[in-house]
Amino acid sequence: MVWRDFITALVDAARRRDEQALRDERRRALDRLAEEKIREARREPPPEK
């Protein structure tokens, strides 16, 4: 019983760490995309009417 609980806790801890790493990578990707879009918007001249 104790060993099963211990191994379950280890697996859960590893899974949570992986999920956190994925969330961090998604956040960094969104930050990079936002920065790229801002740079593009600054480069493009405003549309003429």
Protein backbone atom coordinates (compact mmCIF):
# COMPACT_ATOMS: atom_id res chain seq x y z
CA MET A 1 0.00 0.00 0.00
CA VAL A 2 2.66 2.50 1.02
CA TRP A 3 4.84 1.75 -1.99
CA ARG A 4 1.93 2.14 -4.37
CA ASP A 5 1.08 5.53 -2.84
CA PHE A 6 4.73 6.57 -3.02
CA ILE A 7 5.07 5.62 -6.69
CA THR A 8 1.74 7.30 -7.51
CA ALA A 9 2.97 10.48 -5.83
CA LEU A 10 6.21 10.37 -7.84
CA VAL A 11 4.36 9.91 -11.12
CA ASP A 12 1.95 12.74 -10.27
CA ALA A 13 4.82 15.05 -9.37
CA ALA A 14 6.60 14.32 -12.66
CA ARG A 15 3.39 14.87 -14.63
CA ARG A 16 2.73 18.22 -12.91
CA ARG A 17 6.28 19.35 -13.68
CA ASP A 18 5.82 18.43 -17.37
CA GLU A 19 2.51 20.29 -17.52
CA GLN A 20 4.13 23.38 -15.98
CA ALA A 21 6.93 23.23 -18.56
CA LEU A 22 4.36 23.07 -21.36
CA ARG A 23 2.46 26.05 -19.93
CA ASP A 24 5.69 28.03 -19.68
CA GLU A 25 6.64 27.21 -23.27
CA ARG A 26 3.18 28.22 -24.54
CA ARG A 27 3.44 31.51 -22.67
CA ARG A 28 6.89 32.20 -24.14
CA ALA A 29 5.60 31.38 -27.64
CA LEU A 30 2.70 33.81 -27.21
CA ASP A 31 5.09 36.49 -25.96
CA ARG A 32 7.34 35.99 -29.02
CA LEU A 33 4.35 36.14 -31.35
CA ALA A 34 3.06 39.33 -29.72
CA GLU A 35 6.49 40.97 -29.99
CA GLU A 36 6.77 39.97 -33.65
CA LYS A 37 3.31 41.39 -34.46
CA ILE A 38 4.16 44.65 -32.68
CA ARG A 39 7.40 44.97 -34.70
CA GLU A 40 5.51 44.27 -37.94
CA ALA A 41 2.88 46.89 -37.09
CA ARG A 42 5.59 49.48 -36.42
CA ARG A 43 7.33 48.71 -39.73
CA GLU A 44 4.23 48.95 -41.94
CA PRO A 45 3.13 52.44 -42.95
CA PRO A 46 -0.46 53.31 -42.04
CA PRO A 47 -2.95 52.49 -44.82
CA GLU A 48 -3.88 55.49 -46.95
CA LYS A 49 -7.53 56.30 -47.46
